[in-house]
Amino acid sequence: MKPVRARSPLATALAAILTIAVGAVGVLASSREDLVQNVSDLVGAVGGTPTIVGFCAGACVAFVAARHLSSHDTKVLDDEGHRRRFRAALEDGHITTVKMFGYTGETSLVDLLDYNDRYRPITVRMLLRNWLVERAEQDKHNARPDTSESRPWDKADAIKKIAVEKWPHAMRREMRFYDGNPVIKASILLKDNRPVTAFVSFFCWKEVPDNGGSPFKGVPRGVVQLDASNPNEAAILEYLDSQFELAWRCARSREQILLREIELTRSGDTAK
């Protein structure tokens, strides 16, 4: 069986170009309708790479629209403000589902979800990175001469640990795993399948980080909050939620990755 290849550099480049371009068309838009039309035209012109393009488009539209179209200033939060507002929204008793664009899942589970949350009757759906893709890339990265003396990139085992651990709690936890690079870092809180609020940011990429480790950094960070009580932001929340559902559909299940891992182990191949 041929190994599954990671997304090409072209896909990543297209995503980066789209990020910049969406920002430009957002600034030029004078209304919500203009923004939606501009972004639609842009995505049609780029074409292909639906998952990565969708990730970038969804997040960029959220950032740009909230800043340029809202009747009030964008709510950019630091870590403390992010956690405080996330907890307030979750603890009001009406949230039924939390959807998370993530990477390893470590930050979301430790910084945002408390121990007692596991006893809440809610569903948490997490998009994490395929740990086989992560392992293949981190092994290549760590073997480079310019990274040999820095702290190694070591995230694959952490992702797998979260994926396979037992979870006998009231809080239902669902996960799927994407092959592409971590782009969006976000959480969407829903009541009865309708988005109520979202907290959106990006992962920062640096090829050789000064402090070593993974080139994808999620902290320190600023987070933009979107609130459904504002009509313009409510529309952007729906766009972001639709991108989550597309990414979820394109991602792999835990069982698919575990099966692939067994096949690779038997063949002696370390490729994903």
C-alpha atoms as a PDB file:
ATOM      1  CA  MET A   1       0.000   0.000   0.000  1.00  0.00           C
ATOM      2  CA  LYS A   2       1.367   3.416  -0.951  1.00  0.00           C
ATOM      3  CA  PRO A   3       1.806   5.851   1.944  1.00  0.00           C
ATOM      4  CA  VAL A   4      -0.540   8.806   2.152  1.00  0.00           C
ATOM      5  CA  ARG A   5       1.272  11.972   1.150  1.00  0.00           C
ATOM      6  CA  ALA A   6       1.030  15.247   3.060  1.00  0.00           C
ATOM      7  CA  ARG A   7      -0.402  18.254   1.296  1.00  0.00           C
ATOM      8  CA  SER A   8       1.981  19.789  -1.224  1.00  0.00           C
ATOM      9  CA  PRO A   9       3.888  23.048  -0.685  1.00  0.00           C
ATOM     10  CA  LEU A  10       1.602  24.558  -3.324  1.00  0.00           C
ATOM     11  CA  ALA A  11      -1.402  23.964  -1.089  1.00  0.00           C
ATOM     12  CA  THR A  12       0.307  25.723   1.798  1.00  0.00           C
ATOM     13  CA  ALA A  13       1.352  28.598  -0.463  1.00  0.00           C
ATOM     14  CA  LEU A  14      -2.197  28.995  -1.750  1.00  0.00           C
ATOM     15  CA  ALA A  15      -3.464  29.143   1.805  1.00  0.00           C
ATOM     16  CA  ALA A  16      -0.974  31.864   2.677  1.00  0.00           C
ATOM     17  CA  ILE A  17      -1.839  33.861  -0.436  1.00  0.00           C
ATOM     18  CA  LEU A  18      -5.533  33.528   0.348  1.00  0.00           C
ATOM     19  CA  THR A  19      -4.972  34.791   3.885  1.00  0.00           C
ATOM     20  CA  ILE A  20      -3.396  38.005   2.585  1.00  0.00           C
ATOM     21  CA  ALA A  21      -5.903  38.417  -0.219  1.00  0.00           C
ATOM     22  CA  VAL A  22      -8.954  37.971   2.006  1.00  0.00           C
ATOM     23  CA  GLY A  23      -7.616  40.710   4.246  1.00  0.00           C
ATOM     24  CA  ALA A  24      -7.334  42.993   1.210  1.00  0.00           C
ATOM     25  CA  VAL A  25     -10.824  42.343  -0.128  1.00  0.00           C
ATOM     26  CA  GLY A  26     -12.257  42.764   3.361  1.00  0.00           C
ATOM     27  CA  VAL A  27     -10.766  46.225   3.676  1.00  0.00           C
ATOM     28  CA  LEU A  28     -12.191  47.195   0.283  1.00  0.00           C
ATOM     29  CA  ALA A  29     -15.688  45.962   1.114  1.00  0.00           C
ATOM     30  CA  SER A  30     -18.115  48.638   2.201  1.00  0.00           C
ATOM     31  CA  SER A  31     -20.853  46.263   3.363  1.00  0.00           C
ATOM     32  CA  ARG A  32     -21.374  42.683   4.484  1.00  0.00           C
ATOM     33  CA  GLU A  33     -22.728  41.822   1.029  1.00  0.00           C
ATOM     34  CA  ASP A  34     -19.617  43.292  -0.629  1.00  0.00           C
ATOM     35  CA  LEU A  35     -17.362  41.278   1.645  1.00  0.00           C
ATOM     36  CA  VAL A  36     -19.178  38.019   0.992  1.00  0.00           C
ATOM     37  CA  GLN A  37     -19.106  38.610  -2.773  1.00  0.00           C
ATOM     38  CA  ASN A  38     -15.413  39.550  -2.764  1.00  0.00           C
ATOM     39  CA  VAL A  39     -14.444  36.475  -0.774  1.00  0.00           C
ATOM     40  CA  SER A  40     -16.589  34.209  -2.949  1.00  0.00           C
ATOM     41  CA  ASP A  41     -14.912  35.550  -6.089  1.00  0.00           C
ATOM     42  CA  LEU A  42     -11.493  35.062  -4.518  1.00  0.00           C
ATOM     43  CA  VAL A  43     -12.100  31.468  -3.456  1.00  0.00           C
ATOM     44  CA  GLY A  44     -13.447  30.649  -6.909  1.00  0.00           C
ATOM     45  CA  ALA A  45     -10.346  32.080  -8.528  1.00  0.00           C
ATOM     46  CA  VAL A  46      -7.974  30.120  -6.284  1.00  0.00           C
ATOM     47  CA  GLY A  47      -9.761  26.763  -6.545  1.00  0.00           C
ATOM     48  CA  GLY A  48      -8.607  23.388  -5.133  1.00  0.00           C
ATOM     49  CA  THR A  49      -7.153  22.504  -1.710  1.00  0.00           C
ATOM     50  CA  PRO A  50     -10.579  22.792  -0.058  1.00  0.00           C
ATOM     51  CA  THR A  51      -9.595  21.982   3.508  1.00  0.00           C
ATOM     52  CA  ILE A  52      -6.669  24.373   3.870  1.00  0.00           C
ATOM     53  CA  VAL A  53      -8.301  27.108   1.797  1.00  0.00           C
ATOM     54  CA  GLY A  54     -11.467  26.682   3.835  1.00  0.00           C
ATOM     55  CA  PHE A  55      -9.568  26.949   7.112  1.00  0.00           C
ATOM     56  CA  CYS A  56      -7.892  30.196   6.071  1.00  0.00           C
ATOM     57  CA  ALA A  57     -10.965  31.688   4.431  1.00  0.00           C
ATOM     58  CA  GLY A  58     -13.189  30.997   7.424  1.00  0.00           C
ATOM     59  CA  ALA A  59     -10.787  32.458   9.942  1.00  0.00           C
ATOM     60  CA  CYS A  60      -9.772  35.457   7.835  1.00  0.00           C
ATOM     61  CA  VAL A  61     -13.371  36.374   7.092  1.00  0.00           C
ATOM     62  CA  ALA A  62     -14.090  36.223  10.819  1.00  0.00           C
ATOM     63  CA  PHE A  63     -11.224  38.554  11.650  1.00  0.00           C
ATOM     64  CA  VAL A  64     -11.781  41.043   8.819  1.00  0.00           C
ATOM     65  CA  ALA A  65     -15.561  41.186   9.027  1.00  0.00           C
ATOM     66  CA  ALA A  66     -15.589  41.639  12.774  1.00  0.00           C
ATOM     67  CA  ARG A  67     -13.186  44.565  12.483  1.00  0.00           C
ATOM     68  CA  HIS A  68     -14.659  46.357   9.455  1.00  0.00           C
ATOM     69  CA  LEU A  69     -18.363  45.575   9.586  1.00  0.00           C
ATOM     70  CA  SER A  70     -19.284  45.437  13.243  1.00  0.00           C
ATOM     71  CA  SER A  71     -20.961  48.405  14.885  1.00  0.00           C
ATOM     72  CA  HIS A  72     -18.389  48.228  17.684  1.00  0.00           C
ATOM     73  CA  ASP A  73     -14.666  47.570  18.030  1.00  0.00           C
ATOM     74  CA  THR A  74     -13.332  44.052  17.627  1.00  0.00           C
ATOM     75  CA  LYS A  75     -12.933  42.290  20.955  1.00  0.00           C
ATOM     76  CA  VAL A  76      -9.272  41.226  21.042  1.00  0.00           C
ATOM     77  CA  LEU A  77      -8.586  39.341  24.242  1.00  0.00           C
ATOM     78  CA  ASP A  78      -5.423  38.313  26.037  1.00  0.00           C
ATOM     79  CA  ASP A  79      -5.114  34.838  27.578  1.00  0.00           C
ATOM     80  CA  GLU A  80      -6.795  35.836  30.837  1.00  0.00           C
ATOM     81  CA  GLY A  81      -9.677  37.567  29.087  1.00  0.00           C
ATOM     82  CA  HIS A  82     -10.087  34.661  26.687  1.00  0.00           C
ATOM     83  CA  ARG A  83     -10.404  32.128  29.481  1.00  0.00           C
ATOM     84  CA  ARG A  84     -12.715  34.346  31.544  1.00  0.00           C
ATOM     85  CA  ARG A  85     -15.162  34.921  28.690  1.00  0.00           C
ATOM     86  CA  PHE A  86     -14.996  31.297  27.525  1.00  0.00           C
ATOM     87  CA  ARG A  87     -15.793  30.099  31.039  1.00  0.00           C
ATOM     88  CA  ALA A  88     -18.633  32.602  31.426  1.00  0.00           C
ATOM     89  CA  ALA A  89     -20.229  31.429  28.175  1.00  0.00           C
ATOM     90  CA  LEU A  90     -19.824  27.759  29.057  1.00  0.00           C
ATOM     91  CA  GLU A  91     -21.087  28.072  32.606  1.00  0.00           C
ATOM     92  CA  ASP A  92     -24.329  29.912  31.780  1.00  0.00           C
ATOM     93  CA  GLY A  93     -25.910  26.467  31.435  1.00  0.00           C
ATOM     94  CA  HIS A  94     -27.168  26.809  27.883  1.00  0.00           C
ATOM     95  CA  ILE A  95     -24.175  25.607  25.847  1.00  0.00           C
ATOM     96  CA  THR A  96     -24.695  22.114  24.428  1.00  0.00           C
ATOM     97  CA  THR A  97     -21.717  21.760  22.049  1.00  0.00           C
ATOM     98  CA  VAL A  98     -18.171  23.097  21.787  1.00  0.00           C
ATOM     99  CA  LYS A  99     -16.295  22.781  18.482  1.00  0.00           C
ATOM    100  CA  MET A 100     -12.544  23.273  18.531  1.00  0.00           C
ATOM    101  CA  PHE A 101     -10.041  23.870  15.749  1.00  0.00           C
ATOM    102  CA  GLY A 102      -6.855  22.624  17.401  1.00  0.00           C
ATOM    103  CA  TYR A 103      -3.452  21.037  17.003  1.00  0.00           C
ATOM    104  CA  THR A 104      -2.535  18.686  19.846  1.00  0.00           C
ATOM    105  CA  GLY A 105      -5.551  19.310  22.096  1.00  0.00           C
ATOM    106  CA  GLU A 106      -3.328  19.974  25.103  1.00  0.00           C
ATOM    107  CA  THR A 107      -4.047  23.695  25.422  1.00  0.00           C
ATOM    108  CA  SER A 108      -7.795  23.368  24.930  1.00  0.00           C
ATOM    109  CA  LEU A 109      -8.177  20.632  27.505  1.00  0.00           C
ATOM    110  CA  VAL A 110      -5.963  22.277  30.124  1.00  0.00           C
ATOM    111  CA  ASP A 111      -6.476  26.029  29.663  1.00  0.00           C
ATOM    112  CA  LEU A 112     -10.156  26.236  28.735  1.00  0.00           C
ATOM    113  CA  LEU A 113     -11.911  23.104  29.968  1.00  0.00           C
ATOM    114  CA  ASP A 114     -11.833  22.484  33.713  1.00  0.00           C
ATOM    115  CA  TYR A 115     -11.815  19.146  35.508  1.00  0.00           C
ATOM    116  CA  ASN A 116     -15.477  19.528  36.461  1.00  0.00           C
ATOM    117  CA  ASP A 117     -16.469  20.100  32.844  1.00  0.00           C
ATOM    118  CA  ARG A 118     -16.166  16.383  32.205  1.00  0.00           C
ATOM    119  CA  TYR A 119     -19.355  15.987  34.239  1.00  0.00           C
ATOM    120  CA  ARG A 120     -21.334  18.448  32.125  1.00  0.00           C
ATOM    121  CA  PRO A 121     -23.804  16.935  29.607  1.00  0.00           C
ATOM    122  CA  ILE A 122     -22.149  18.657  26.651  1.00  0.00           C
ATOM    123  CA  THR A 123     -20.407  17.458  23.486  1.00  0.00           C
ATOM    124  CA  VAL A 124     -16.878  18.626  22.664  1.00  0.00           C
ATOM    125  CA  ARG A 125     -15.803  18.046  19.047  1.00  0.00           C
ATOM    126  CA  MET A 126     -12.090  18.488  18.477  1.00  0.00           C
ATOM    127  CA  LEU A 127     -10.156  18.762  15.221  1.00  0.00           C
ATOM    128  CA  LEU A 128      -6.572  17.710  15.932  1.00  0.00           C
ATOM    129  CA  ARG A 129      -3.629  16.917  13.693  1.00  0.00           C
ATOM    130  CA  ASN A 130      -3.037  13.387  12.400  1.00  0.00           C
ATOM    131  CA  TRP A 131      -0.281  12.124  14.698  1.00  0.00           C
ATOM    132  CA  LEU A 132       1.289  10.036  11.899  1.00  0.00           C
ATOM    133  CA  VAL A 133       1.705  13.171   9.775  1.00  0.00           C
ATOM    134  CA  GLU A 134       3.031  15.002  12.827  1.00  0.00           C
ATOM    135  CA  ARG A 135       5.549  12.232  13.599  1.00  0.00           C
ATOM    136  CA  ALA A 136       6.860  12.058  10.037  1.00  0.00           C
ATOM    137  CA  GLU A 137       7.378  15.827   9.883  1.00  0.00           C
ATOM    138  CA  GLN A 138       8.869  16.151  13.343  1.00  0.00           C
ATOM    139  CA  ASP A 139      11.393  13.351  12.657  1.00  0.00           C
ATOM    140  CA  LYS A 140      12.576  15.124   9.492  1.00  0.00           C
ATOM    141  CA  HIS A 141      12.704  18.451  11.321  1.00  0.00           C
ATOM    142  CA  ASN A 142      14.704  17.076  14.256  1.00  0.00           C
ATOM    143  CA  ALA A 143      17.248  15.463  11.899  1.00  0.00           C
ATOM    144  CA  ARG A 144      18.137  18.820  10.292  1.00  0.00           C
ATOM    145  CA  PRO A 145      21.588  20.227  11.169  1.00  0.00           C
ATOM    146  CA  ASP A 146      20.120  23.615  12.092  1.00  0.00           C
ATOM    147  CA  THR A 147      17.771  22.073  14.673  1.00  0.00           C
ATOM    148  CA  SER A 148      20.039  19.399  16.167  1.00  0.00           C
ATOM    149  CA  GLU A 149      21.083  21.492  19.175  1.00  0.00           C
ATOM    150  CA  SER A 150      17.693  22.982  20.024  1.00  0.00           C
ATOM    151  CA  ARG A 151      14.765  21.494  21.919  1.00  0.00           C
ATOM    152  CA  PRO A 152      13.288  18.734  19.707  1.00  0.00           C
ATOM    153  CA  TRP A 153       9.858  18.907  18.105  1.00  0.00           C
ATOM    154  CA  ASP A 154       7.891  16.260  19.994  1.00  0.00           C
ATOM    155  CA  LYS A 155       4.098  16.474  19.712  1.00  0.00           C
ATOM    156  CA  ALA A 156       3.003  13.264  17.974  1.00  0.00           C
ATOM    157  CA  ASP A 157       2.888  11.148  21.127  1.00  0.00           C
ATOM    158  CA  ALA A 158       0.854  13.811  22.958  1.00  0.00           C
ATOM    159  CA  ILE A 159      -1.767  13.828  20.195  1.00  0.00           C
ATOM    160  CA  LYS A 160      -1.993  10.037  20.182  1.00  0.00           C
ATOM    161  CA  LYS A 161      -2.284   9.910  23.975  1.00  0.00           C
ATOM    162  CA  ILE A 162      -5.320  12.181  23.913  1.00  0.00           C
ATOM    163  CA  ALA A 163      -6.783  10.215  21.001  1.00  0.00           C
ATOM    164  CA  VAL A 164      -6.644   6.775  22.645  1.00  0.00           C
ATOM    165  CA  GLU A 165      -7.182   7.517  26.334  1.00  0.00           C
ATOM    166  CA  LYS A 166     -10.377   6.211  27.923  1.00  0.00           C
ATOM    167  CA  TRP A 167     -13.077   8.785  28.571  1.00  0.00           C
ATOM    168  CA  PRO A 168     -15.853   7.446  30.867  1.00  0.00           C
ATOM    169  CA  HIS A 169     -17.417  10.814  31.605  1.00  0.00           C
ATOM    170  CA  ALA A 170     -20.698  12.626  31.012  1.00  0.00           C
ATOM    171  CA  MET A 171     -19.041  15.106  28.678  1.00  0.00           C
ATOM    172  CA  ARG A 172     -19.002  13.501  25.262  1.00  0.00           C
ATOM    173  CA  ARG A 173     -15.669  13.979  23.510  1.00  0.00           C
ATOM    174  CA  GLU A 174     -15.369  13.413  19.763  1.00  0.00           C
ATOM    175  CA  MET A 175     -12.204  13.809  17.673  1.00  0.00           C
ATOM    176  CA  ARG A 176     -11.146  13.749  14.056  1.00  0.00           C
ATOM    177  CA  PHE A 177      -7.666  14.275  12.663  1.00  0.00           C
ATOM    178  CA  TYR A 178      -6.542  16.377   9.700  1.00  0.00           C
ATOM    179  CA  ASP A 179      -3.417  15.897   7.564  1.00  0.00           C
ATOM    180  CA  GLY A 180      -2.634  19.542   6.791  1.00  0.00           C
ATOM    181  CA  ASN A 181      -0.740  22.109   8.827  1.00  0.00           C
ATOM    182  CA  PRO A 182      -2.308  23.699  11.929  1.00  0.00           C
ATOM    183  CA  VAL A 183      -3.786  27.037  10.813  1.00  0.00           C
ATOM    184  CA  ILE A 184      -6.794  28.086  12.899  1.00  0.00           C
ATOM    185  CA  LYS A 185      -6.871  27.999  16.686  1.00  0.00           C
ATOM    186  CA  ALA A 186     -10.499  28.518  17.643  1.00  0.00           C
ATOM    187  CA  SER A 187     -13.473  27.370  19.665  1.00  0.00           C
ATOM    188  CA  ILE A 188     -17.148  27.729  18.747  1.00  0.00           C
ATOM    189  CA  LEU A 189     -19.776  27.458  21.489  1.00  0.00           C
ATOM    190  CA  LEU A 190     -23.255  26.389  20.403  1.00  0.00           C
ATOM    191  CA  LYS A 191     -26.702  26.175  21.933  1.00  0.00           C
ATOM    192  CA  ASP A 192     -28.970  23.619  20.253  1.00  0.00           C
ATOM    193  CA  ASN A 193     -26.717  23.524  17.160  1.00  0.00           C
ATOM    194  CA  ARG A 194     -26.653  27.310  16.732  1.00  0.00           C
ATOM    195  CA  PRO A 195     -23.394  29.231  17.326  1.00  0.00           C
ATOM    196  CA  VAL A 196     -23.573  31.598  20.301  1.00  0.00           C
ATOM    197  CA  THR A 197     -19.992  32.852  20.450  1.00  0.00           C
ATOM    198  CA  ALA A 198     -16.547  31.951  19.124  1.00  0.00           C
ATOM    199  CA  PHE A 199     -12.947  32.707  20.038  1.00  0.00           C
ATOM    200  CA  VAL A 200     -10.653  32.819  17.010  1.00  0.00           C
ATOM    201  CA  SER A 201      -6.911  33.076  16.498  1.00  0.00           C
ATOM    202  CA  PHE A 202      -4.141  31.553  14.358  1.00  0.00           C
ATOM    203  CA  PHE A 203      -1.113  29.376  14.911  1.00  0.00           C
ATOM    204  CA  CYS A 204       2.154  31.203  14.282  1.00  0.00           C
ATOM    205  CA  TRP A 205       4.638  29.331  12.066  1.00  0.00           C
ATOM    206  CA  LYS A 206       8.380  29.739  12.328  1.00  0.00           C
ATOM    207  CA  GLU A 207      10.589  27.269  10.494  1.00  0.00           C
ATOM    208  CA  VAL A 208      13.204  27.087  13.254  1.00  0.00           C
ATOM    209  CA  PRO A 209      11.753  28.528  16.483  1.00  0.00           C
ATOM    210  CA  ASP A 210      14.150  30.369  18.788  1.00  0.00           C
ATOM    211  CA  ASN A 211      13.076  28.192  21.718  1.00  0.00           C
ATOM    212  CA  GLY A 212      12.978  24.975  19.685  1.00  0.00           C
ATOM    213  CA  GLY A 213      10.092  22.543  19.608  1.00  0.00           C
ATOM    214  CA  SER A 214       7.264  22.572  17.093  1.00  0.00           C
ATOM    215  CA  PRO A 215       7.320  25.312  14.428  1.00  0.00           C
ATOM    216  CA  PHE A 216       3.588  25.844  15.074  1.00  0.00           C
ATOM    217  CA  LYS A 217       3.093  28.077  18.085  1.00  0.00           C
ATOM    218  CA  GLY A 218      -0.260  28.834  19.667  1.00  0.00           C
ATOM    219  CA  VAL A 219       0.934  30.891  22.654  1.00  0.00           C
ATOM    220  CA  PRO A 220       1.309  33.687  23.498  1.00  0.00           C
ATOM    221  CA  ARG A 221      -1.658  34.807  21.458  1.00  0.00           C
ATOM    222  CA  GLY A 222      -4.417  37.351  21.007  1.00  0.00           C
ATOM    223  CA  VAL A 223      -7.938  36.037  20.470  1.00  0.00           C
ATOM    224  CA  VAL A 224     -10.859  37.679  18.668  1.00  0.00           C
ATOM    225  CA  GLN A 225     -14.318  37.038  20.129  1.00  0.00           C
ATOM    226  CA  LEU A 226     -17.389  36.884  17.889  1.00  0.00           C
ATOM    227  CA  ASP A 227     -20.832  37.218  19.446  1.00  0.00           C
ATOM    228  CA  ALA A 228     -24.136  36.110  17.891  1.00  0.00           C
ATOM    229  CA  SER A 229     -25.950  38.992  19.578  1.00  0.00           C
ATOM    230  CA  ASN A 230     -24.420  41.227  16.895  1.00  0.00           C
ATOM    231  CA  PRO A 231     -26.100  40.522  13.507  1.00  0.00           C
ATOM    232  CA  ASN A 232     -22.907  40.928  11.479  1.00  0.00           C
ATOM    233  CA  GLU A 233     -20.900  38.729  13.826  1.00  0.00           C
ATOM    234  CA  ALA A 234     -23.701  36.148  13.894  1.00  0.00           C
ATOM    235  CA  ALA A 235     -23.311  35.739  10.131  1.00  0.00           C
ATOM    236  CA  ILE A 236     -19.544  35.284  10.466  1.00  0.00           C
ATOM    237  CA  LEU A 237     -20.120  32.716  13.203  1.00  0.00           C
ATOM    238  CA  GLU A 238     -22.223  30.689  10.773  1.00  0.00           C
ATOM    239  CA  TYR A 239     -19.468  30.908   8.142  1.00  0.00           C
ATOM    240  CA  LEU A 240     -16.863  29.702  10.626  1.00  0.00           C
ATOM    241  CA  ASP A 241     -19.120  26.894  11.810  1.00  0.00           C
ATOM    242  CA  SER A 242     -19.608  25.740   8.209  1.00  0.00           C
ATOM    243  CA  GLN A 243     -15.826  25.585   7.748  1.00  0.00           C
ATOM    244  CA  PHE A 244     -15.553  23.419  10.851  1.00  0.00           C
ATOM    245  CA  GLU A 245     -18.081  20.999   9.406  1.00  0.00           C
ATOM    246  CA  LEU A 246     -16.188  20.847   6.100  1.00  0.00           C
ATOM    247  CA  ALA A 247     -12.896  20.199   7.887  1.00  0.00           C
ATOM    248  CA  TRP A 248     -14.571  17.544  10.054  1.00  0.00           C
ATOM    249  CA  ARG A 249     -15.884  15.778   6.969  1.00  0.00           C
ATOM    250  CA  CYS A 250     -12.448  15.783   5.319  1.00  0.00           C
ATOM    251  CA  ALA A 251     -10.574  14.615   8.435  1.00  0.00           C
ATOM    252  CA  ARG A 252      -9.860  11.023   9.504  1.00  0.00           C
ATOM    253  CA  SER A 253     -11.231   9.018  12.396  1.00  0.00           C
ATOM    254  CA  ARG A 254      -9.062   7.655  15.183  1.00  0.00           C
ATOM    255  CA  GLU A 255      -9.714   4.112  13.966  1.00  0.00           C
ATOM    256  CA  GLN A 256      -8.508   4.937  10.457  1.00  0.00           C
ATOM    257  CA  ILE A 257      -5.222   6.300  11.772  1.00  0.00           C
ATOM    258  CA  LEU A 258      -4.671   3.426  14.202  1.00  0.00           C
ATOM    259  CA  LEU A 259      -5.211   0.947  11.366  1.00  0.00           C
ATOM    260  CA  ARG A 260      -2.759   2.827   9.178  1.00  0.00           C
ATOM    261  CA  GLU A 261      -0.242   2.854  12.024  1.00  0.00           C
ATOM    262  CA  ILE A 262      -0.493  -0.935  12.325  1.00  0.00           C
ATOM    263  CA  GLU A 263       0.059  -1.317   8.566  1.00  0.00           C
ATOM    264  CA  LEU A 264       3.149   0.888   8.688  1.00  0.00           C
ATOM    265  CA  THR A 265       4.549  -0.983  11.684  1.00  0.00           C
ATOM    266  CA  ARG A 266       4.136  -4.322   9.943  1.00  0.00           C
ATOM    267  CA  SER A 267       5.784  -3.050   6.770  1.00  0.00           C
ATOM    268  CA  GLY A 268       8.640  -1.438   8.665  1.00  0.00           C
ATOM    269  CA  ASP A 269       7.830   1.868   6.977  1.00  0.00           C
ATOM    270  CA  THR A 270       7.951   5.072   9.034  1.00  0.00           C
ATOM    271  CA  ALA A 271       6.170   7.205   6.448  1.00  0.00           C
ATOM    272  CA  LYS A 272       2.615   8.267   7.179  1.00  0.00           C
END
